[in-house]
Protein backbone atom coordinates (compact mmCIF):
# COMPACT_ATOMS: atom_id res chain seq x y z
CA GLU A 1 -5.71 -37.95 4.89
CA LYS A 2 -4.85 -35.27 2.35
CA LYS A 3 -1.99 -32.93 2.99
CA GLY A 4 -1.60 -29.76 0.97
CA LYS A 5 1.52 -27.89 0.02
CA GLY A 6 0.73 -24.96 2.28
CA LYS A 7 0.99 -24.52 6.00
CA TRP A 8 -0.94 -22.30 8.39
CA ILE A 9 1.04 -20.06 10.70
CA LYS A 10 -0.01 -17.28 13.06
CA TRP A 11 0.52 -13.67 11.96
CA THR A 12 2.49 -13.05 15.15
CA ALA A 13 5.05 -15.65 14.03
CA THR A 14 5.91 -13.45 11.01
CA VAL A 15 6.66 -10.36 13.11
CA THR A 16 10.22 -9.53 14.10
CA ASN A 17 10.66 -8.59 17.74
CA GLU A 18 12.89 -5.63 17.11
CA LEU A 19 12.40 -2.21 15.59
CA VAL A 20 14.97 -1.51 12.87
CA LEU A 21 15.52 2.11 11.86
CA LYS A 22 16.79 2.93 8.40
CA PRO A 23 19.85 5.23 8.22
CA GLY A 24 18.70 8.79 8.94
CA GLN A 25 15.18 7.69 9.94
CA LYS A 26 13.65 9.38 12.96
CA LEU A 27 11.98 7.28 15.63
CA LYS A 28 8.69 9.14 15.13
CA ASP A 29 8.66 8.02 11.46
CA ALA A 30 9.27 4.33 12.23
CA ILE A 31 6.59 1.71 11.77
CA VAL A 32 6.54 -0.69 14.69
CA PRO A 33 6.21 -4.31 13.52
CA THR A 34 2.91 -5.75 14.77
CA MET A 35 0.45 -8.41 13.75
CA ASP A 36 -1.47 -5.72 11.81
CA THR A 37 1.61 -4.51 9.90
CA ALA A 38 2.34 -8.14 8.98
CA ARG A 39 -1.21 -8.60 7.66
CA TYR A 40 -1.30 -5.39 5.65
CA THR A 41 2.19 -5.90 4.24
CA TYR A 42 1.43 -9.47 3.20
CA LEU A 43 -1.85 -8.48 1.55
CA MET A 44 -0.25 -5.53 -0.26
CA ASP A 45 2.59 -7.72 -1.55
CA LEU A 46 0.13 -10.39 -2.69
CA THR A 47 -2.20 -8.00 -4.51
CA LEU A 48 0.66 -6.07 -6.13
CA ARG A 49 2.33 -9.26 -7.32
CA ASN A 50 -0.95 -10.39 -8.91
CA ASN A 51 -1.97 -6.96 -10.26
CA CYS A 52 -5.19 -6.90 -8.24
CA PRO A 53 -6.86 -3.60 -7.34
CA THR A 54 -7.28 -3.33 -3.57
CA VAL A 55 -9.10 -1.24 -1.01
CA PHE A 56 -8.13 -1.43 2.66
CA VAL A 57 -10.98 -0.66 5.04
CA GLY A 58 -11.18 -0.56 8.80
CA PRO A 59 -11.65 1.64 11.84
CA THR A 60 -10.17 5.14 11.91
CA GLY A 61 -6.69 5.44 13.36
CA THR A 62 -5.49 1.88 12.79
CA GLY A 63 -2.63 2.90 10.49
CA LYS A 64 -3.95 1.81 7.10
CA SER A 65 -2.82 4.99 5.36
CA VAL A 66 0.59 4.92 7.05
CA TYR A 67 1.29 1.32 6.00
CA ILE A 68 0.15 1.91 2.44
CA LYS A 69 2.08 5.17 2.08
CA ASP A 70 5.24 3.48 3.42
CA LYS A 71 4.84 0.63 0.93
CA ILE A 72 4.28 3.02 -1.97
CA LEU A 73 7.19 5.31 -1.12
CA THR A 74 9.79 2.71 -0.10
CA GLY A 75 8.70 -0.72 -1.27
CA LEU A 76 7.89 -0.37 -4.96
CA GLU A 77 10.01 -0.29 -8.09
CA ARG A 78 10.23 3.35 -9.26
CA ASP A 79 10.40 2.38 -12.94
CA LYS A 80 7.18 0.35 -12.68
CA PHE A 81 5.06 2.42 -10.25
CA VAL A 82 4.41 6.16 -10.01
CA PRO A 83 2.95 7.22 -6.64
CA LEU A 84 -0.09 9.51 -6.65
CA PHE A 85 -1.86 10.47 -3.43
CA LEU A 86 -5.43 11.77 -3.32
CA ASN A 87 -7.06 13.27 -0.24
CA PHE A 88 -10.81 12.88 -0.05
CA SER A 89 -13.37 14.71 2.02
CA ALA A 90 -17.14 14.63 2.22
CA GLN A 91 -17.20 17.33 -0.47
CA THR A 92 -14.97 15.52 -3.00
CA THR A 93 -16.88 14.73 -6.17
CA ALA A 94 -16.28 12.05 -8.78
CA ASN A 95 -15.53 14.75 -11.37
CA GLN A 96 -12.87 16.33 -9.13
CA THR A 97 -11.25 12.93 -8.65
CA GLN A 98 -11.26 12.18 -12.38
CA THR A 99 -9.87 15.64 -13.22
CA PHE A 100 -7.06 15.24 -10.69
CA ILE A 101 -6.04 11.81 -12.01
CA LEU A 102 -6.20 12.87 -15.65
CA SER A 103 -4.10 15.98 -14.89
CA LYS A 104 -1.25 13.65 -13.91
CA LEU A 105 -1.39 11.65 -17.16
CA ASP A 106 -0.34 12.37 -20.73
CA LYS A 107 -2.59 11.39 -23.62
CA ARG A 108 -0.55 9.01 -25.79
CA ARG A 109 -3.24 8.39 -28.41
CA LYS A 110 -7.00 8.06 -28.45
CA GLY A 111 -8.04 6.24 -25.27
CA VAL A 112 -4.44 5.56 -24.15
CA PHE A 113 -2.93 7.51 -21.25
CA GLY A 114 0.38 7.23 -19.40
CA PRO A 115 2.45 8.97 -16.76
């Protein structure tokens, strides 16, 4: 029988049973630890650590945007990451998206851009 280095555990085992508010944080702004927050947080940490582009998909109203925004605003190194939020609608075009992103960057030299 082969035994690997890893071990399977349930997502619920990674969730703390108490809600911890940061100093000055309002209850309405708190993220309640659930199995879903554990999943999203783990996947975000994993993909960020390995520099993998990621898209989170799922039903409307499940908190994807809230979890991601919280991670971007409070869980990333400010000297390594610069947050940029884009709001899309049915009328958003590819050109509008490209123009918005490029407006936030400086051209360093031909083909090289930076914040």
